[in-house]
């Protein structure tokens, strides 16, 4: 992943969202000198040169500020450093949870999810009974009624919905 491009996009979005209100007291950038200088450059492009911004590099828990070539000497036991670490860690947790949810939804989506009358239990039963979506798609309405134990109306919806999903795929 491209940290610099991501920082650029996130800061531009964040500042755009804040156009009507005040800026935060501090932008905390997840990263060291490179990420911090990228963030400063973006803020300068947006005309926000006096915004407080710092970088927190995870490996050694170093804090960088614009204009200083070396990390700031903040004691490891400092309450301020611990607060910055907690903020960074919470943002990581939030982002990871969000991306896992997106991935989970993509992974477990099925054309059956869009068919009225097919819930999670019926979906599981149909897939176990027929073995695959391909077999379900090729099944007749009669087979769906008998083997799939579906009402006639739902069996017709399944057949129609699966064929429609297949045609969209092609």
Protein backbone atom coordinates (compact mmCIF):
# COMPACT_ATOMS: atom_id res chain seq x y z
CA UNK A 1 0.00 0.00 0.00
CA UNK A 2 1.13 3.53 -0.70
CA UNK A 3 1.22 5.39 2.64
CA UNK A 4 1.93 8.74 1.03
CA UNK A 5 -0.99 8.54 -1.41
CA UNK A 6 -3.31 7.36 1.35
CA UNK A 7 -2.31 10.22 3.64
CA UNK A 8 -2.85 12.63 0.76
CA UNK A 9 -6.37 11.33 0.09
CA UNK A 10 -7.44 11.07 3.72
CA UNK A 11 -6.24 14.56 4.63
CA UNK A 12 -7.89 16.11 1.58
CA UNK A 13 -11.17 14.39 2.43
CA UNK A 14 -10.91 15.29 6.10
CA UNK A 15 -10.18 18.95 5.48
CA UNK A 16 -12.92 19.11 2.84
CA UNK A 17 -15.39 17.65 5.38
CA UNK A 18 -14.29 20.27 7.91
CA UNK A 19 -14.67 23.21 5.50
CA UNK A 20 -17.69 24.48 7.40
CA UNK A 21 -16.28 23.98 10.90
CA UNK A 22 -13.10 24.39 12.88
CA UNK A 23 -10.06 22.22 12.26
CA UNK A 24 -9.03 19.77 14.96
CA UNK A 25 -6.50 20.86 17.58
CA UNK A 26 -3.98 18.38 16.18
CA UNK A 27 -3.57 16.06 13.23
CA UNK A 28 -1.86 12.84 14.36
CA UNK A 29 -0.19 11.11 11.43
CA UNK A 30 0.54 7.42 11.67
CA UNK A 31 4.16 7.26 10.54
CA UNK A 32 7.55 8.86 10.68
CA UNK A 33 9.30 11.67 8.85
CA UNK A 34 8.17 10.65 5.35
CA UNK A 35 4.49 10.44 6.22
CA UNK A 36 4.68 13.66 8.27
CA UNK A 37 6.32 15.63 5.47
CA UNK A 38 3.68 14.32 3.05
CA UNK A 39 0.92 15.46 5.41
CA UNK A 40 2.54 18.90 5.79
CA UNK A 41 2.78 19.21 2.01
CA UNK A 42 -0.92 18.38 1.58
CA UNK A 43 -1.93 20.86 4.28
CA UNK A 44 0.22 23.54 2.61
CA UNK A 45 -1.45 22.81 -0.76
CA UNK A 46 -4.80 23.26 0.97
CA UNK A 47 -3.69 26.60 2.42
CA UNK A 48 -3.47 25.33 5.98
CA UNK A 49 0.13 25.99 6.92
CA UNK A 50 -0.32 26.76 10.61
CA UNK A 51 -2.19 23.56 11.56
CA UNK A 52 -0.53 21.55 14.35
CA UNK A 53 0.51 18.14 13.03
CA UNK A 54 2.79 15.42 14.36
CA UNK A 55 3.87 11.96 13.22
CA UNK A 56 4.00 8.91 15.47
CA UNK A 57 6.27 6.16 14.17
CA UNK A 58 5.24 2.79 15.55
CA UNK A 59 8.52 0.87 15.48
CA UNK A 60 10.27 2.93 18.16
CA UNK A 61 7.26 5.00 19.25
CA UNK A 62 9.02 8.14 18.04
CA UNK A 63 7.20 11.45 17.76
CA UNK A 64 8.16 13.72 14.87
CA UNK A 65 7.22 17.38 14.45
CA UNK A 66 7.55 19.50 11.31
CA UNK A 67 10.91 21.25 10.98
CA UNK A 68 12.79 18.92 13.36
CA UNK A 69 15.10 16.37 11.76
CA UNK A 70 15.18 14.11 14.80
CA UNK A 71 12.41 12.50 16.84
CA UNK A 72 11.30 14.35 19.95
CA UNK A 73 12.59 13.05 23.23
CA UNK A 74 9.42 11.97 25.01
CA UNK A 75 9.86 9.58 27.94
CA UNK A 76 8.37 6.14 27.29
CA UNK A 77 6.39 6.38 30.54
CA UNK A 78 4.91 9.79 29.62
CA UNK A 79 1.12 10.04 29.88
CA UNK A 80 1.15 12.19 26.71
CA UNK A 81 2.96 9.51 24.69
CA UNK A 82 0.60 6.85 26.04
CA UNK A 83 -2.41 8.95 24.97
CA UNK A 84 -0.99 9.34 21.44
CA UNK A 85 -0.39 5.58 21.28
CA UNK A 86 -3.94 4.83 22.41
CA UNK A 87 -5.36 7.19 19.78
CA UNK A 88 -3.24 5.56 17.08
CA UNK A 89 -4.11 2.05 18.24
CA UNK A 90 -7.83 2.84 18.37
CA UNK A 91 -7.76 4.23 14.84
CA UNK A 92 -6.00 1.02 13.71
CA UNK A 93 -8.63 -1.11 15.46
CA UNK A 94 -11.45 0.89 13.86
CA UNK A 95 -9.95 0.62 10.36
CA UNK A 96 -9.19 -3.09 10.69
CA UNK A 97 -12.71 -3.86 11.94
CA UNK A 98 -14.25 -1.87 9.09
CA UNK A 99 -12.16 -3.64 6.43
CA UNK A 100 -12.89 -7.05 7.92
CA UNK A 101 -16.61 -6.31 7.73
CA UNK A 102 -16.31 -5.26 4.08
CA UNK A 103 -14.28 -8.35 3.24
CA UNK A 104 -16.74 -10.57 5.10
CA UNK A 105 -19.69 -9.16 3.20
CA UNK A 106 -17.93 -9.66 -0.13
CA UNK A 107 -16.81 -13.17 0.77
CA UNK A 108 -20.18 -14.50 1.84
CA UNK A 109 -22.46 -12.77 -0.66
CA UNK A 110 -24.49 -15.00 -2.91
CA UNK A 111 -27.13 -14.39 -5.56
CA UNK A 112 -29.46 -16.28 -3.22
CA UNK A 113 -29.21 -13.36 -0.76
CA UNK A 114 -31.17 -11.19 -3.18
CA UNK A 115 -34.06 -13.59 -3.71
CA UNK A 116 -37.24 -12.96 -1.70
CA UNK A 117 -38.18 -15.92 0.47
CA UNK A 118 -34.59 -17.15 0.85
CA UNK A 119 -33.13 -16.55 4.27
CA UNK A 120 -29.89 -17.83 5.80
CA UNK A 121 -31.30 -21.24 6.78
CA UNK A 122 -32.96 -21.90 3.45
CA UNK A 123 -29.84 -20.73 1.61
CA UNK A 124 -27.67 -23.15 3.59
CA UNK A 125 -30.13 -26.01 3.05
CA UNK A 126 -30.31 -25.40 -0.72
CA UNK A 127 -26.54 -25.25 -1.10
CA UNK A 128 -26.08 -28.44 0.93
CA UNK A 129 -28.84 -30.23 -0.98
CA UNK A 130 -27.79 -29.20 -4.49
CA UNK A 131 -24.05 -28.90 -3.85
CA UNK A 132 -23.43 -25.66 -5.73
CA UNK A 133 -25.02 -22.57 -7.25
CA UNK A 134 -24.45 -24.10 -10.69
CA UNK A 135 -26.52 -27.17 -9.76
CA UNK A 136 -29.21 -24.94 -8.25
CA UNK A 137 -29.31 -22.82 -11.41
CA UNK A 138 -29.70 -25.94 -13.56
CA UNK A 139 -32.42 -27.46 -11.36
CA UNK A 140 -36.00 -27.40 -12.59
CA UNK A 141 -38.76 -25.75 -10.61
CA UNK A 142 -40.04 -29.25 -9.76
CA UNK A 143 -36.64 -30.26 -8.37
CA UNK A 144 -36.48 -27.08 -6.32
CA UNK A 145 -39.91 -27.86 -4.88
CA UNK A 146 -39.24 -31.53 -4.17
CA UNK A 147 -35.57 -31.68 -3.22
CA UNK A 148 -35.24 -28.09 -2.01
CA UNK A 149 -38.57 -28.23 -0.13
CA UNK A 150 -39.53 -24.82 -1.51
CA UNK A 151 -43.03 -23.46 -2.12
CA UNK A 152 -43.75 -23.17 -5.84
CA UNK A 153 -43.64 -19.38 -5.84
CA UNK A 154 -40.25 -19.30 -4.07
CA UNK A 155 -38.87 -22.02 -6.38
CA UNK A 156 -39.80 -19.90 -9.40
CA UNK A 157 -38.16 -16.85 -7.78
CA UNK A 158 -34.98 -18.87 -7.15
CA UNK A 159 -34.80 -20.05 -10.73
CA UNK A 160 -35.50 -16.55 -12.09
CA UNK A 161 -33.09 -14.86 -9.67
CA UNK A 162 -30.20 -17.25 -10.35
CA UNK A 163 -30.58 -16.96 -14.11
CA UNK A 164 -30.72 -13.18 -13.81
CA UNK A 165 -27.55 -13.17 -11.65
CA UNK A 166 -25.77 -15.40 -14.18
CA UNK A 167 -26.68 -13.12 -17.10
CA UNK A 168 -25.36 -10.08 -15.17
CA UNK A 169 -22.11 -11.93 -14.55
CA UNK A 170 -21.54 -12.46 -18.29
